[in-house]
N, C-alpha and C. Protein backbone atom coordinates (compact mmCIF):
# COMPACT_ATOMS: atom_id res chain seq x y z
N MET A 1 0.85 -1.18 0.00
CA MET A 1 0.00 0.00 0.00
C MET A 1 0.89 1.24 0.00
N ILE A 2 0.58 2.17 -0.85
CA ILE A 2 1.46 3.34 -1.01
C ILE A 2 1.47 4.24 0.22
N LEU A 3 0.38 4.30 0.97
CA LEU A 3 0.36 5.14 2.17
C LEU A 3 1.37 4.64 3.20
N SER A 4 1.48 3.34 3.37
CA SER A 4 2.47 2.81 4.32
C SER A 4 3.88 2.99 3.77
N ARG A 5 4.07 2.86 2.46
CA ARG A 5 5.39 3.09 1.88
C ARG A 5 5.79 4.56 2.04
N LEU A 6 4.84 5.45 1.86
CA LEU A 6 5.08 6.88 2.04
C LEU A 6 5.47 7.17 3.49
N SER A 7 4.73 6.60 4.42
CA SER A 7 5.05 6.78 5.84
C SER A 7 6.44 6.26 6.16
N ASN A 8 6.76 5.07 5.68
CA ASN A 8 8.07 4.48 5.95
C ASN A 8 9.19 5.32 5.34
N TYR A 9 8.99 5.81 4.13
CA TYR A 9 9.99 6.63 3.46
C TYR A 9 10.29 7.88 4.28
N LEU A 10 9.25 8.56 4.70
CA LEU A 10 9.44 9.80 5.44
C LEU A 10 9.96 9.54 6.85
N ARG A 11 9.53 8.46 7.48
CA ARG A 11 10.02 8.12 8.82
C ARG A 11 11.53 7.84 8.79
N GLU A 12 11.97 7.13 7.76
CA GLU A 12 13.40 6.79 7.64
C GLU A 12 14.26 8.01 7.33
N ARG A 13 13.74 8.92 6.52
CA ARG A 13 14.54 10.08 6.10
C ARG A 13 14.32 11.31 6.96
N ARG A 14 13.28 11.30 7.77
CA ARG A 14 12.92 12.39 8.68
C ARG A 14 12.37 13.61 7.96
N ARG A 15 12.88 13.93 6.77
CA ARG A 15 12.44 15.12 6.04
C ARG A 15 12.71 14.88 4.55
N ALA A 16 11.73 15.26 3.70
CA ALA A 16 11.91 15.08 2.25
C ALA A 16 10.99 16.03 1.50
N SER A 17 11.42 16.39 0.30
CA SER A 17 10.56 17.23 -0.54
C SER A 17 9.51 16.36 -1.21
N LEU A 18 8.43 16.99 -1.61
CA LEU A 18 7.36 16.29 -2.30
C LEU A 18 7.89 15.65 -3.58
N ALA A 19 8.76 16.36 -4.29
CA ALA A 19 9.33 15.83 -5.53
C ALA A 19 10.18 14.59 -5.26
N ASP A 20 10.98 14.61 -4.20
CA ASP A 20 11.81 13.45 -3.85
C ASP A 20 10.95 12.24 -3.51
N MET A 21 9.88 12.46 -2.74
CA MET A 21 9.00 11.35 -2.37
C MET A 21 8.32 10.77 -3.61
N ALA A 22 7.86 11.64 -4.51
CA ALA A 22 7.19 11.17 -5.73
C ALA A 22 8.15 10.33 -6.57
N LEU A 23 9.37 10.78 -6.70
CA LEU A 23 10.37 10.06 -7.48
C LEU A 23 10.68 8.70 -6.84
N ALA A 24 10.92 8.69 -5.55
CA ALA A 24 11.28 7.45 -4.85
C ALA A 24 10.14 6.43 -4.85
N LEU A 25 8.90 6.92 -4.80
CA LEU A 25 7.75 6.01 -4.73
C LEU A 25 7.12 5.76 -6.10
N LYS A 26 7.77 6.28 -7.15
CA LYS A 26 7.28 6.12 -8.53
C LYS A 26 5.83 6.57 -8.64
N SER A 27 5.60 7.78 -8.16
CA SER A 27 4.27 8.36 -8.15
C SER A 27 4.36 9.79 -8.64
N THR A 28 3.31 10.56 -8.41
CA THR A 28 3.31 11.97 -8.79
C THR A 28 3.03 12.81 -7.55
N PRO A 29 3.49 14.05 -7.54
CA PRO A 29 3.18 14.92 -6.41
C PRO A 29 1.67 15.06 -6.20
N GLU A 30 0.92 15.08 -7.30
CA GLU A 30 -0.54 15.21 -7.20
C GLU A 30 -1.18 14.00 -6.51
N ALA A 31 -0.62 12.83 -6.73
CA ALA A 31 -1.16 11.62 -6.09
C ALA A 31 -0.77 11.55 -4.62
N LEU A 32 0.41 12.04 -4.28
CA LEU A 32 0.87 11.97 -2.89
C LEU A 32 0.24 13.05 -2.01
N GLY A 33 -0.16 14.16 -2.61
CA GLY A 33 -0.73 15.27 -1.84
C GLY A 33 -1.85 14.88 -0.89
N PRO A 34 -2.90 14.20 -1.36
CA PRO A 34 -3.99 13.81 -0.45
C PRO A 34 -3.53 12.85 0.66
N MET A 35 -2.57 11.98 0.34
CA MET A 35 -2.06 11.06 1.36
C MET A 35 -1.28 11.82 2.43
N LEU A 36 -0.49 12.78 1.99
CA LEU A 36 0.25 13.60 2.95
C LEU A 36 -0.70 14.46 3.78
N ASP A 37 -1.78 14.93 3.17
CA ASP A 37 -2.80 15.68 3.92
C ASP A 37 -3.39 14.81 5.03
N THR A 38 -3.66 13.54 4.71
CA THR A 38 -4.20 12.61 5.69
C THR A 38 -3.21 12.40 6.83
N LEU A 39 -1.95 12.17 6.49
CA LEU A 39 -0.93 11.97 7.52
C LEU A 39 -0.74 13.22 8.36
N GLU A 40 -0.89 14.38 7.73
CA GLU A 40 -0.76 15.64 8.47
C GLU A 40 -1.92 15.82 9.45
N ARG A 41 -3.13 15.50 9.02
CA ARG A 41 -4.29 15.58 9.92
C ARG A 41 -4.15 14.64 11.11
N LYS A 42 -3.51 13.50 10.89
CA LYS A 42 -3.31 12.52 11.97
C LYS A 42 -2.12 12.88 12.86
N GLY A 43 -1.40 13.93 12.50
CA GLY A 43 -0.26 14.36 13.31
C GLY A 43 1.01 13.58 13.06
N ARG A 44 1.05 12.83 11.98
CA ARG A 44 2.24 12.02 11.69
C ARG A 44 3.30 12.77 10.92
N VAL A 45 2.87 13.70 10.07
CA VAL A 45 3.82 14.51 9.31
C VAL A 45 3.48 15.98 9.48
N ARG A 46 4.46 16.81 9.18
CA ARG A 46 4.28 18.25 9.27
C ARG A 46 4.84 18.86 7.99
N ARG A 47 4.06 19.73 7.37
CA ARG A 47 4.52 20.44 6.18
C ARG A 47 5.36 21.62 6.63
N ILE A 48 6.51 21.75 6.01
CA ILE A 48 7.43 22.84 6.34
C ILE A 48 7.33 23.86 5.23
N GLU A 49 6.89 25.04 5.58
CA GLU A 49 6.77 26.10 4.59
C GLU A 49 8.18 26.54 4.21
N GLY A 50 8.42 26.57 2.92
CA GLY A 50 9.75 26.93 2.46
C GLY A 50 9.70 28.11 1.53
N GLU A 51 10.84 28.38 0.99
CA GLU A 51 10.96 29.45 0.01
C GLU A 51 11.44 28.83 -1.28
N ALA A 52 11.66 29.62 -2.27
CA ALA A 52 12.14 29.10 -3.55
C ALA A 52 13.40 28.29 -3.34
N GLY A 53 13.53 27.21 -4.08
CA GLY A 53 14.67 26.31 -3.93
C GLY A 53 16.01 27.01 -4.09
N CYS A 54 16.05 28.04 -4.91
CA CYS A 54 17.31 28.74 -5.14
C CYS A 54 17.45 29.99 -4.28
N GLY A 55 16.40 30.32 -3.53
CA GLY A 55 16.47 31.50 -2.67
C GLY A 55 16.00 32.78 -3.32
N SER A 56 15.65 32.71 -4.61
CA SER A 56 15.19 33.93 -5.29
C SER A 56 13.66 34.02 -5.22
N THR A 57 13.13 35.05 -5.82
CA THR A 57 11.68 35.24 -5.83
C THR A 57 11.10 35.15 -7.24
N CYS A 58 11.81 34.50 -8.16
CA CYS A 58 11.36 34.46 -9.55
C CYS A 58 10.23 33.47 -9.78
N CYS A 59 10.00 32.53 -8.88
CA CYS A 59 8.91 31.54 -8.97
C CYS A 59 9.09 30.56 -10.13
N LYS A 60 10.31 30.31 -10.56
CA LYS A 60 10.55 29.37 -11.65
C LYS A 60 10.84 27.96 -11.15
N CYS A 61 11.04 27.79 -9.86
CA CYS A 61 11.32 26.47 -9.31
C CYS A 61 10.06 25.62 -9.34
N ASP A 62 10.25 24.33 -9.53
CA ASP A 62 9.13 23.39 -9.48
C ASP A 62 8.53 23.43 -8.08
N PRO A 63 7.24 23.73 -7.94
CA PRO A 63 6.63 23.81 -6.61
C PRO A 63 6.82 22.54 -5.79
N ALA A 64 6.82 21.38 -6.43
CA ALA A 64 6.99 20.12 -5.70
C ALA A 64 8.39 20.00 -5.11
N ALA A 65 9.35 20.72 -5.68
CA ALA A 65 10.72 20.65 -5.18
C ALA A 65 10.91 21.50 -3.93
N VAL A 66 10.03 22.46 -3.70
CA VAL A 66 10.20 23.33 -2.55
C VAL A 66 9.21 23.04 -1.43
N VAL A 67 8.26 22.12 -1.65
CA VAL A 67 7.34 21.69 -0.59
C VAL A 67 8.03 20.55 0.16
N VAL A 68 8.26 20.76 1.44
CA VAL A 68 8.99 19.78 2.25
C VAL A 68 8.10 19.31 3.39
N TYR A 69 8.17 18.01 3.65
CA TYR A 69 7.44 17.41 4.77
C TYR A 69 8.44 16.78 5.72
N GLU A 70 8.06 16.76 6.98
CA GLU A 70 8.92 16.22 8.03
C GLU A 70 8.11 15.22 8.85
N TRP A 71 8.73 14.11 9.23
CA TRP A 71 8.07 13.12 10.07
C TRP A 71 7.87 13.72 11.45
N ALA A 72 6.66 13.68 11.97
CA ALA A 72 6.36 14.33 13.24
C ALA A 72 5.84 13.37 14.30
N ALA A 73 5.52 12.14 13.91
CA ALA A 73 4.96 11.17 14.86
C ALA A 73 6.02 10.72 15.84
N ALA A 74 5.57 10.23 16.98
CA ALA A 74 6.48 9.71 17.99
C ALA A 74 7.26 8.55 17.40
N GLU A 75 8.45 8.38 17.87
CA GLU A 75 9.30 7.29 17.40
C GLU A 75 8.64 5.95 17.67
N THR A 76 8.86 5.01 16.77
CA THR A 76 8.27 3.68 16.94
C THR A 76 8.85 2.98 18.17
N SER A 77 10.06 3.34 18.57
CA SER A 77 10.65 2.71 19.75
C SER A 77 9.91 3.13 21.03
N ALA A 78 9.21 4.25 20.96
CA ALA A 78 8.46 4.73 22.13
C ALA A 78 7.09 4.07 22.19
N ALA A 79 6.70 3.40 21.13
CA ALA A 79 5.40 2.76 21.10
C ALA A 79 5.39 1.54 22.03
N VAL A 80 4.21 1.22 22.53
CA VAL A 80 4.08 0.08 23.41
C VAL A 80 4.23 -1.20 22.59
N GLN A 81 5.12 -2.06 23.01
CA GLN A 81 5.36 -3.32 22.34
C GLN A 81 4.33 -4.34 22.77
N PRO A 82 3.86 -5.19 21.84
CA PRO A 82 2.90 -6.23 22.24
C PRO A 82 3.50 -7.13 23.31
N GLY A 83 2.71 -7.41 24.30
CA GLY A 83 3.14 -8.27 25.38
C GLY A 83 3.93 -7.55 26.47
N ALA A 84 4.25 -6.27 26.23
CA ALA A 84 5.00 -5.52 27.24
C ALA A 84 4.02 -5.01 28.29
N GLY A 85 4.46 -4.87 29.45
CA GLY A 85 3.50 -4.36 30.42
C GLY A 85 4.02 -4.14 31.72
């Protein structure tokens, strides 16, 4: 399932651009957007507002290259392990 692959990708890398995630998951930024919105609503990821990739204001950079998401959920090691108690 692509949602779990997306979660795993971002959890492992901690932070990635929308373009990088689309490339790695063989998808499109448009397809990943709703999934990232879902993860953001659940508090698992956080969108980081950025500026143009090159630092200018010309707006020629690919928007997907400057949209960055960061893993925000608690570490899996902090999760309760089955049978632990």
